[in-house]
Amino acid sequence: MRAAATFDALTGLLNRREVVNYLRLELSRSSREKRTVSVIVADLDHFKTINDWHGHLVGDEVSKDVARRYRVPCGPTIEWGGTAVKSSRLCCLGAIW
């Protein structure tokens, strides 16, 4: 039951509520530890067009594929677009759409 309330059933990423909770925790931690926090927000341009032209089943597949590509394990270094990115904590949290 907890997983259903935490993760998006289609993409497997954290849902909006959990992303916001996680960001609150990270902002609090960064304040205590005097560290910076970076947030990357990505938007799928013209996603409605995909659903309108190709149907919602194709839109669901696009959503799952994008989530798979953006899902990055947490760690001090991640590979992002062929570039090693270093930070104290990096990961792809979830999707808000």
PDB file of N, CA and C in Angstrom:
ATOM      1  N   MET A   1       0.833  -1.191   0.000  1.00  0.00           N
ATOM      2  CA  MET A   1       0.000   0.000   0.000  1.00  0.00           C
ATOM      3  C   MET A   1       0.874   1.251   0.000  1.00  0.00           C
ATOM      4  N   ARG A   2       2.007   1.236   0.745  1.00  0.00           N
ATOM      5  CA  ARG A   2       2.907   2.399   0.806  1.00  0.00           C
ATOM      6  C   ARG A   2       3.466   2.713  -0.579  1.00  0.00           C
ATOM      7  N   ALA A   3       3.844   1.681  -1.325  1.00  0.00           N
ATOM      8  CA  ALA A   3       4.400   1.914  -2.665  1.00  0.00           C
ATOM      9  C   ALA A   3       3.372   2.578  -3.569  1.00  0.00           C
ATOM     10  N   ALA A   4       2.120   2.162  -3.465  1.00  0.00           N
ATOM     11  CA  ALA A   4       1.069   2.757  -4.293  1.00  0.00           C
ATOM     12  C   ALA A   4       0.863   4.224  -3.952  1.00  0.00           C
ATOM     13  N   ALA A   5       1.095   4.593  -2.708  1.00  0.00           N
ATOM     14  CA  ALA A   5       0.923   5.986  -2.287  1.00  0.00           C
ATOM     15  C   ALA A   5       2.168   6.816  -2.521  1.00  0.00           C
ATOM     16  N   THR A   6       3.274   6.181  -2.883  1.00  0.00           N
ATOM     17  CA  THR A   6       4.560   6.861  -3.021  1.00  0.00           C
ATOM     18  C   THR A   6       5.003   6.997  -4.471  1.00  0.00           C
ATOM     19  N   PHE A   7       4.760   5.980  -5.262  1.00  0.00           N
ATOM     20  CA  PHE A   7       5.278   5.931  -6.624  1.00  0.00           C
ATOM     21  C   PHE A   7       4.166   6.034  -7.656  1.00  0.00           C
ATOM     22  N   ASP A   8       4.479   6.663  -8.770  1.00  0.00           N
ATOM     23  CA  ASP A   8       3.571   6.726  -9.898  1.00  0.00           C
ATOM     24  C   ASP A   8       3.463   5.331 -10.506  1.00  0.00           C
ATOM     25  N   ALA A   9       2.258   4.826 -10.659  1.00  0.00           N
ATOM     26  CA  ALA A   9       2.056   3.464 -11.145  1.00  0.00           C
ATOM     27  C   ALA A   9       2.572   3.263 -12.575  1.00  0.00           C
ATOM     28  N   LEU A  10       2.509   4.288 -13.396  1.00  0.00           N
ATOM     29  CA  LEU A  10       2.927   4.159 -14.791  1.00  0.00           C
ATOM     30  C   LEU A  10       4.440   4.219 -14.944  1.00  0.00           C
ATOM     31  N   THR A  11       5.071   5.221 -14.324  1.00  0.00           N
ATOM     32  CA  THR A  11       6.499   5.465 -14.557  1.00  0.00           C
ATOM     33  C   THR A  11       7.408   4.816 -13.518  1.00  0.00           C
ATOM     34  N   GLY A  12       6.875   4.542 -12.330  1.00  0.00           N
ATOM     35  CA  GLY A  12       7.703   3.995 -11.268  1.00  0.00           C
ATOM     36  C   GLY A  12       8.510   5.051 -10.532  1.00  0.00           C
ATOM     37  N   LEU A  13       8.364   6.318 -10.924  1.00  0.00           N
ATOM     38  CA  LEU A  13       9.070   7.405 -10.248  1.00  0.00           C
ATOM     39  C   LEU A  13       8.237   7.886  -9.061  1.00  0.00           C
ATOM     40  N   LEU A  14       8.872   8.621  -8.161  1.00  0.00           N
ATOM     41  CA  LEU A  14       8.139   9.186  -7.037  1.00  0.00           C
ATOM     42  C   LEU A  14       7.022  10.083  -7.536  1.00  0.00           C
ATOM     43  N   ASN A  15       5.898  10.084  -6.834  1.00  0.00           N
ATOM     44  CA  ASN A  15       4.807  10.969  -7.222  1.00  0.00           C
ATOM     45  C   ASN A  15       5.075  12.380  -6.707  1.00  0.00           C
ATOM     46  N   ARG A  16       4.239  13.293  -7.105  1.00  0.00           N
ATOM     47  CA  ARG A  16       4.432  14.715  -6.784  1.00  0.00           C
ATOM     48  C   ARG A  16       4.572  14.957  -5.284  1.00  0.00           C
ATOM     49  N   ARG A  17       3.676  14.377  -4.490  1.00  0.00           N
ATOM     50  CA  ARG A  17       3.719  14.580  -3.038  1.00  0.00           C
ATOM     51  C   ARG A  17       5.060  14.127  -2.449  1.00  0.00           C
ATOM     52  N   GLU A  18       5.541  12.976  -2.893  1.00  0.00           N
ATOM     53  CA  GLU A  18       6.801  12.452  -2.367  1.00  0.00           C
ATOM     54  C   GLU A  18       7.998  13.272  -2.834  1.00  0.00           C
ATOM     55  N   VAL A  19       7.946  13.783  -4.068  1.00  0.00           N
ATOM     56  CA  VAL A  19       9.021  14.653  -4.549  1.00  0.00           C
ATOM     57  C   VAL A  19       9.087  15.910  -3.693  1.00  0.00           C
ATOM     58  N   VAL A  20       7.935  16.503  -3.418  1.00  0.00           N
ATOM     59  CA  VAL A  20       7.897  17.719  -2.593  1.00  0.00           C
ATOM     60  C   VAL A  20       8.412  17.424  -1.187  1.00  0.00           C
ATOM     61  N   ASN A  21       8.000  16.300  -0.598  1.00  0.00           N
ATOM     62  CA  ASN A  21       8.498  15.917   0.731  1.00  0.00           C
ATOM     63  C   ASN A  21      10.007  15.731   0.728  1.00  0.00           C
ATOM     64  N   TYR A  22      10.517  15.055  -0.304  1.00  0.00           N
ATOM     65  CA  TYR A  22      11.954  14.817  -0.402  1.00  0.00           C
ATOM     66  C   TYR A  22      12.710  16.141  -0.543  1.00  0.00           C
ATOM     67  N   LEU A  23      12.192  17.032  -1.363  1.00  0.00           N
ATOM     68  CA  LEU A  23      12.854  18.326  -1.536  1.00  0.00           C
ATOM     69  C   LEU A  23      12.856  19.127  -0.235  1.00  0.00           C
ATOM     70  N   ARG A  24      11.780  19.062   0.527  1.00  0.00           N
ATOM     71  CA  ARG A  24      11.754  19.742   1.830  1.00  0.00           C
ATOM     72  C   ARG A  24      12.848  19.206   2.742  1.00  0.00           C
ATOM     73  N   LEU A  25      12.992  17.884   2.776  1.00  0.00           N
ATOM     74  CA  LEU A  25      14.047  17.273   3.596  1.00  0.00           C
ATOM     75  C   LEU A  25      15.437  17.707   3.132  1.00  0.00           C
ATOM     76  N   GLU A  26      15.644  17.701   1.820  1.00  0.00           N
ATOM     77  CA  GLU A  26      16.947  18.085   1.275  1.00  0.00           C
ATOM     78  C   GLU A  26      17.246  19.556   1.532  1.00  0.00           C
ATOM     79  N   LEU A  27      16.245  20.416   1.416  1.00  0.00           N
ATOM     80  CA  LEU A  27      16.454  21.839   1.709  1.00  0.00           C
ATOM     81  C   LEU A  27      16.789  22.052   3.178  1.00  0.00           C
ATOM     82  N   SER A  28      16.121  21.323   4.041  1.00  0.00           N
ATOM     83  CA  SER A  28      16.418  21.408   5.473  1.00  0.00           C
ATOM     84  C   SER A  28      17.843  20.923   5.752  1.00  0.00           C
ATOM     85  N   ARG A  29      18.213  19.799   5.137  1.00  0.00           N
ATOM     86  CA  ARG A  29      19.565  19.250   5.317  1.00  0.00           C
ATOM     87  C   ARG A  29      20.615  20.223   4.797  1.00  0.00           C
ATOM     88  N   SER A  30      20.352  20.809   3.642  1.00  0.00           N
ATOM     89  CA  SER A  30      21.338  21.725   3.060  1.00  0.00           C
ATOM     90  C   SER A  30      21.521  22.956   3.948  1.00  0.00           C
ATOM     91  N   SER A  31      20.437  23.394   4.563  1.00  0.00           N
ATOM     92  CA  SER A  31      20.526  24.539   5.469  1.00  0.00           C
ATOM     93  C   SER A  31      21.372  24.192   6.695  1.00  0.00           C
ATOM     94  N   ARG A  32      21.127  23.024   7.274  1.00  0.00           N
ATOM     95  CA  ARG A  32      21.908  22.590   8.448  1.00  0.00           C
ATOM     96  C   ARG A  32      23.380  22.408   8.105  1.00  0.00           C
ATOM     97  N   GLU A  33      23.645  21.804   6.953  1.00  0.00           N
ATOM     98  CA  GLU A  33      25.016  21.466   6.565  1.00  0.00           C
ATOM     99  C   GLU A  33      25.696  22.573   5.758  1.00  0.00           C
ATOM    100  N   LYS A  34      25.006  23.676   5.557  1.00  0.00           N
ATOM    101  CA  LYS A  34      25.544  24.811   4.796  1.00  0.00           C
ATOM    102  C   LYS A  34      26.012  24.369   3.407  1.00  0.00           C
ATOM    103  N   ARG A  35      25.158  23.608   2.721  1.00  0.00           N
ATOM    104  CA  ARG A  35      25.447  23.132   1.371  1.00  0.00           C
ATOM    105  C   ARG A  35      24.383  23.659   0.415  1.00  0.00           C
ATOM    106  N   THR A  36      24.734  23.683  -0.836  1.00  0.00           N
ATOM    107  CA  THR A  36      23.774  24.132  -1.844  1.00  0.00           C
ATOM    108  C   THR A  36      22.916  22.956  -2.322  1.00  0.00           C
ATOM    109  N   VAL A  37      21.791  23.284  -2.899  1.00  0.00           N
ATOM    110  CA  VAL A  37      20.899  22.298  -3.495  1.00  0.00           C
ATOM    111  C   VAL A  37      20.624  22.739  -4.923  1.00  0.00           C
ATOM    112  N   SER A  38      20.687  21.804  -5.835  1.00  0.00           N
ATOM    113  CA  SER A  38      20.337  22.084  -7.228  1.00  0.00           C
ATOM    114  C   SER A  38      19.156  21.212  -7.617  1.00  0.00           C
ATOM    115  N   VAL A  39      18.265  21.777  -8.389  1.00  0.00           N
ATOM    116  CA  VAL A  39      17.100  21.046  -8.865  1.00  0.00           C
ATOM    117  C   VAL A  39      17.025  21.233 -10.377  1.00  0.00           C
ATOM    118  N   ILE A  40      16.878  20.138 -11.077  1.00  0.00           N
ATOM    119  CA  ILE A  40      16.707  20.181 -12.525  1.00  0.00           C
ATOM    120  C   ILE A  40      15.263  19.794 -12.819  1.00  0.00           C
ATOM    121  N   VAL A  41      14.586  20.632 -13.577  1.00  0.00           N
ATOM    122  CA  VAL A  41      13.204  20.357 -13.952  1.00  0.00           C
ATOM    123  C   VAL A  41      13.165  20.184 -15.466  1.00  0.00           C
ATOM    124  N   ALA A  42      12.596  19.091 -15.905  1.00  0.00           N
ATOM    125  CA  ALA A  42      12.479  18.832 -17.338  1.00  0.00           C
ATOM    126  C   ALA A  42      11.002  18.785 -17.713  1.00  0.00           C
ATOM    127  N   ASP A  43      10.693  19.281 -18.883  1.00  0.00           N
ATOM    128  CA  ASP A  43       9.318  19.301 -19.370  1.00  0.00           C
ATOM    129  C   ASP A  43       9.273  18.614 -20.726  1.00  0.00           C
ATOM    130  N   LEU A  44       8.251  17.808 -20.950  1.00  0.00           N
ATOM    131  CA  LEU A  44       8.063  17.192 -22.261  1.00  0.00           C
ATOM    132  C   LEU A  44       7.228  18.127 -23.117  1.00  0.00           C
ATOM    133  N   ASP A  45       7.882  18.811 -24.029  1.00  0.00           N
ATOM    134  CA  ASP A  45       7.169  19.725 -24.916  1.00  0.00           C
ATOM    135  C   ASP A  45       6.211  18.952 -25.824  1.00  0.00           C
ATOM    136  N   HIS A  46       5.055  19.510 -26.008  1.00  0.00           N
ATOM    137  CA  HIS A  46       4.064  18.987 -26.952  1.00  0.00           C
ATOM    138  C   HIS A  46       3.600  17.565 -26.630  1.00  0.00           C
ATOM    139  N   PHE A  47       3.634  17.188 -25.343  1.00  0.00           N
ATOM    140  CA  PHE A  47       3.206  15.843 -24.959  1.00  0.00           C
ATOM    141  C   PHE A  47       1.732  15.609 -25.308  1.00  0.00           C
ATOM    142  N   LYS A  48       0.910  16.629 -25.152  1.00  0.00           N
ATOM    143  CA  LYS A  48      -0.510  16.496 -25.501  1.00  0.00           C
ATOM    144  C   LYS A  48      -0.672  16.122 -26.975  1.00  0.00           C
ATOM    145  N   THR A  49       0.200  16.642 -27.811  1.00  0.00           N
ATOM    146  CA  THR A  49       0.141  16.322 -29.234  1.00  0.00           C
ATOM    147  C   THR A  49       0.384  14.830 -29.475  1.00  0.00           C
ATOM    148  N   ILE A  50       1.299  14.252 -28.722  1.00  0.00           N
ATOM    149  CA  ILE A  50       1.566  12.806 -28.845  1.00  0.00           C
ATOM    150  C   ILE A  50       0.295  12.034 -28.520  1.00  0.00           C
ATOM    151  N   ASN A  51      -0.347  12.387 -27.403  1.00  0.00           N
ATOM    152  CA  ASN A  51      -1.599  11.712 -27.030  1.00  0.00           C
ATOM    153  C   ASN A  51      -2.690  11.938 -28.074  1.00  0.00           C
ATOM    154  N   ASP A  52      -2.815  13.169 -28.564  1.00  0.00           N
ATOM    155  CA  ASP A  52      -3.870  13.488 -29.537  1.00  0.00           C
ATOM    156  C   ASP A  52      -3.669  12.776 -30.870  1.00  0.00           C
ATOM    157  N   TRP A  53      -2.451  12.723 -31.341  1.00  0.00           N
ATOM    158  CA  TRP A  53      -2.179  12.148 -32.654  1.00  0.00           C
ATOM    159  C   TRP A  53      -2.028  10.627 -32.625  1.00  0.00           C
ATOM    160  N   HIS A  54      -1.423  10.121 -31.560  1.00  0.00           N
ATOM    161  CA  HIS A  54      -1.077   8.692 -31.531  1.00  0.00           C
ATOM    162  C   HIS A  54      -1.866   7.895 -30.500  1.00  0.00           C
ATOM    163  N   GLY A  55      -2.607   8.563 -29.643  1.00  0.00           N
ATOM    164  CA  GLY A  55      -3.403   7.876 -28.631  1.00  0.00           C
ATOM    165  C   GLY A  55      -2.687   7.775 -27.290  1.00  0.00           C
ATOM    166  N   HIS A  56      -3.486   7.522 -26.264  1.00  0.00           N
ATOM    167  CA  HIS A  56      -2.949   7.502 -24.908  1.00  0.00           C
ATOM    168  C   HIS A  56      -2.041   6.302 -24.628  1.00  0.00           C
ATOM    169  N   LEU A  57      -2.248   5.198 -25.333  1.00  0.00           N
ATOM    170  CA  LEU A  57      -1.353   4.047 -25.128  1.00  0.00           C
ATOM    171  C   LEU A  57       0.074   4.393 -25.561  1.00  0.00           C
ATOM    172  N   VAL A  58       0.197   5.090 -26.677  1.00  0.00           N
ATOM    173  CA  VAL A  58       1.522   5.529 -27.132  1.00  0.00           C
ATOM    174  C   VAL A  58       2.068   6.577 -26.158  1.00  0.00           C
ATOM    175  N   GLY A  59       1.211   7.490 -25.709  1.00  0.00           N
ATOM    176  CA  GLY A  59       1.633   8.481 -24.720  1.00  0.00           C
ATOM    177  C   GLY A  59       2.147   7.831 -23.451  1.00  0.00           C
ATOM    178  N   ASP A  60       1.485   6.757 -23.007  1.00  0.00           N
ATOM    179  CA  ASP A  60       1.953   6.019 -21.827  1.00  0.00           C
ATOM    180  C   ASP A  60       3.331   5.421 -22.068  1.00  0.00           C
ATOM    181  N   GLU A  61       3.545   4.869 -23.249  1.00  0.00           N
ATOM    182  CA  GLU A  61       4.863   4.290 -23.569  1.00  0.00           C
ATOM    183  C   GLU A  61       5.947   5.361 -23.589  1.00  0.00           C
ATOM    184  N   VAL A  62       5.611   6.531 -24.129  1.00  0.00           N
ATOM    185  CA  VAL A  62       6.564   7.648 -24.129  1.00  0.00           C
ATOM    186  C   VAL A  62       6.883   8.048 -22.694  1.00  0.00           C
ATOM    187  N   SER A  63       5.859   8.140 -21.843  1.00  0.00           N
ATOM    188  CA  SER A  63       6.068   8.492 -20.436  1.00  0.00           C
ATOM    189  C   SER A  63       7.000   7.493 -19.748  1.00  0.00           C
ATOM    190  N   LYS A  64       6.752   6.206 -19.969  1.00  0.00           N
ATOM    191  CA  LYS A  64       7.589   5.177 -19.347  1.00  0.00           C
ATOM    192  C   LYS A  64       9.025   5.239 -19.864  1.00  0.00           C
ATOM    193  N   ASP A  65       9.179   5.473 -21.163  1.00  0.00           N
ATOM    194  CA  ASP A  65      10.525   5.537 -21.735  1.00  0.00           C
ATOM    195  C   ASP A  65      11.295   6.747 -21.211  1.00  0.00           C
ATOM    196  N   VAL A  66      10.633   7.894 -21.143  1.00  0.00           N
ATOM    197  CA  VAL A  66      11.291   9.096 -20.608  1.00  0.00           C
ATOM    198  C   VAL A  66      11.677   8.870 -19.149  1.00  0.00           C
ATOM    199  N   ALA A  67      10.776   8.283 -18.362  1.00  0.00           N
ATOM    200  CA  ALA A  67      11.077   8.009 -16.952  1.00  0.00           C
ATOM    201  C   ALA A  67      12.276   7.081 -16.837  1.00  0.00           C
ATOM    202  N   ARG A  68      12.328   6.055 -17.684  1.00  0.00           N
ATOM    203  CA  ARG A  68      13.457   5.113 -17.660  1.00  0.00           C
ATOM    204  C   ARG A  68      14.768   5.834 -17.972  1.00  0.00           C
ATOM    205  N   ARG A  69      14.736   6.735 -18.926  1.00  0.00           N
ATOM    206  CA  ARG A  69      15.943   7.458 -19.317  1.00  0.00           C
ATOM    207  C   ARG A  69      16.393   8.447 -18.244  1.00  0.00           C
ATOM    208  N   TYR A  70      15.436   9.010 -17.501  1.00  0.00           N
ATOM    209  CA  TYR A  70      15.778   9.990 -16.470  1.00  0.00           C
ATOM    210  C   TYR A  70      16.041   9.354 -15.114  1.00  0.00           C
ATOM    211  N   ARG A  71      15.681   8.100 -14.948  1.00  0.00           N
ATOM    212  CA  ARG A  71      15.899   7.433 -13.671  1.00  0.00           C
ATOM    213  C   ARG A  71      17.399   7.218 -13.490  1.00  0.00           C
ATOM    214  N   VAL A  72      17.938   7.834 -12.469  1.00  0.00           N
ATOM    215  CA  VAL A  72      19.378   7.795 -12.224  1.00  0.00           C
ATOM    216  C   VAL A  72      19.585   7.391 -10.774  1.00  0.00           C
ATOM    217  N   PRO A  73      20.428   6.393 -10.510  1.00  0.00           N
ATOM    218  CA  PRO A  73      20.667   6.017  -9.113  1.00  0.00           C
ATOM    219  C   PRO A  73      21.338   7.148  -8.339  1.00  0.00           C
ATOM    220  N   CYS A  74      20.963   7.284  -7.080  1.00  0.00           N
ATOM    221  CA  CYS A  74      21.581   8.308  -6.234  1.00  0.00           C
ATOM    222  C   CYS A  74      23.041   7.945  -5.992  1.00  0.00           C
ATOM    223  N   GLY A  75      23.884   8.946  -5.910  1.00  0.00           N
ATOM    224  CA  GLY A  75      25.292   8.717  -5.625  1.00  0.00           C
ATOM    225  C   GLY A  75      26.088   9.993  -5.798  1.00  0.00           C
ATOM    226  N   PRO A  76      27.373   9.957  -5.466  1.00  0.00           N
ATOM    227  CA  PRO A  76      28.197  11.160  -5.549  1.00  0.00           C
ATOM    228  C   PRO A  76      28.530  11.571  -6.984  1.00  0.00           C
ATOM    229  N   THR A  77      28.476  10.629  -7.924  1.00  0.00           N
ATOM    230  CA  THR A  77      28.739  10.930  -9.332  1.00  0.00           C
ATOM    231  C   THR A  77      27.729  10.170 -10.178  1.00  0.00           C
ATOM    232  N   ILE A  78      27.147  10.838 -11.138  1.00  0.00           N
ATOM    233  CA  ILE A  78      26.248  10.161 -12.068  1.00  0.00           C
ATOM    234  C   ILE A  78      26.685  10.484 -13.485  1.00  0.00           C
ATOM    235  N   GLU A  79      26.272   9.640 -14.390  1.00  0.00           N
ATOM    236  CA  GLU A  79      26.509   9.868 -15.813  1.00  0.00           C
ATOM    237  C   GLU A  79      25.255  10.510 -16.376  1.00  0.00           C
ATOM    238  N   TRP A  80      25.377  11.705 -16.940  1.00  0.00           N
ATOM    239  CA  TRP A  80      24.222  12.440 -17.450  1.00  0.00           C
ATOM    240  C   TRP A  80      24.553  12.936 -18.840  1.00  0.00           C
ATOM    241  N   GLY A  81      23.923  12.353 -19.815  1.00  0.00           N
ATOM    242  CA  GLY A  81      24.151  12.769 -21.191  1.00  0.00           C
ATOM    243  C   GLY A  81      25.594  12.614 -21.633  1.00  0.00           C
ATOM    244  N   GLY A  82      26.251  11.556 -21.174  1.00  0.00           N
ATOM    245  CA  GLY A  82      27.633  11.308 -21.557  1.00  0.00           C
ATOM    246  C   GLY A  82      28.652  12.077 -20.749  1.00  0.00           C
ATOM    247  N   THR A  83      28.195  12.834 -19.752  1.00  0.00           N
ATOM    248  CA  THR A  83      29.090  13.629 -18.919  1.00  0.00           C
ATOM    249  C   THR A  83      28.988  13.166 -17.474  1.00  0.00           C
ATOM    250  N   ALA A  84      30.119  12.984 -16.812  1.00  0.00           N
ATOM    251  CA  ALA A  84      30.109  12.640 -15.388  1.00  0.00           C
ATOM    252  C   ALA A  84      29.826  13.906 -14.592  1.00  0.00           C
ATOM    253  N   VAL A  85      28.784  13.862 -13.771  1.00  0.00           N
ATOM    254  CA  VAL A  85      28.396  14.997 -12.945  1.00  0.00           C
ATOM    255  C   VAL A  85      28.655  14.619 -11.500  1.00  0.00           C
ATOM    256  N   LYS A  86      29.336  15.508 -10.761  1.00  0.00           N
ATOM    257  CA  LYS A  86      29.658  15.212  -9.378  1.00  0.00           C
ATOM    258  C   LYS A  86      28.928  16.161  -8.440  1.00  0.00           C
ATOM    259  N   SER A  87      28.482  15.607  -7.327  1.00  0.00           N
ATOM    260  CA  SER A  87      27.808  16.385  -6.301  1.00  0.00           C
ATOM    261  C   SER A  87      27.773  15.541  -5.038  1.00  0.00           C
ATOM    262  N   SER A  88      27.318  16.134  -3.939  1.00  0.00           N
ATOM    263  CA  SER A  88      27.221  15.349  -2.716  1.00  0.00           C
ATOM    264  C   SER A  88      26.059  14.364  -2.787  1.00  0.00           C
ATOM    265  N   ARG A  89      24.977  14.719  -3.473  1.00  0.00           N
ATOM    266  CA  ARG A  89      23.814  13.835  -3.622  1.00  0.00           C
ATOM    267  C   ARG A  89      23.125  14.149  -4.944  1.00  0.00           C
ATOM    268  N   LEU A  90      23.049  13.171  -5.798  1.00  0.00           N
ATOM    269  CA  LEU A  90      22.376  13.341  -7.072  1.00  0.00           C
ATOM    270  C   LEU A  90      21.447  12.169  -7.316  1.00  0.00           C
ATOM    271  N   CYS A  91      20.268  12.440  -7.806  1.00  0.00           N
ATOM    272  CA  CYS A  91      19.390  11.371  -8.268  1.00  0.00           C
ATOM    273  C   CYS A  91      18.178  11.977  -8.969  1.00  0.00           C
ATOM    274  N   CYS A  92      17.552  11.170  -9.767  1.00  0.00           N
ATOM    275  CA  CYS A  92      16.294  11.571 -10.402  1.00  0.00           C
ATOM    276  C   CYS A  92      15.186  11.130  -9.474  1.00  0.00           C
ATOM    277  N   LEU A  93      14.399  12.065  -8.997  1.00  0.00           N
ATOM    278  CA  LEU A  93      13.381  11.751  -8.001  1.00  0.00           C
ATOM    279  C   LEU A  93      12.067  11.290  -8.580  1.00  0.00           C
ATOM    280  N   GLY A  94      11.551  12.048  -9.480  1.00  0.00           N
ATOM    281  CA  GLY A  94      10.228  11.696  -9.945  1.00  0.00           C
ATOM    282  C   GLY A  94       9.734  12.616 -11.011  1.00  0.00           C
ATOM    283  N   ALA A  95       8.500  12.432 -11.314  1.00  0.00           N
ATOM    284  CA  ALA A  95       7.896  13.180 -12.399  1.00  0.00           C
ATOM    285  C   ALA A  95       6.675  13.919 -11.865  1.00  0.00           C
ATOM    286  N   ILE A  96       6.494  15.118 -12.356  1.00  0.00           N
ATOM    287  CA  ILE A  96       5.300  15.882 -12.034  1.00  0.00           C
ATOM    288  C   ILE A  96       4.673  16.296 -13.353  1.00  0.00           C
ATOM    289  N   TRP A  97       3.628  15.574 -13.761  1.00  0.00           N
ATOM    290  CA  TRP A  97       2.908  15.965 -14.959  1.00  0.00           C
ATOM    291  C   TRP A  97       1.458  15.624 -14.843  1.00  0.00           C
TER     292      TRP A  97
END
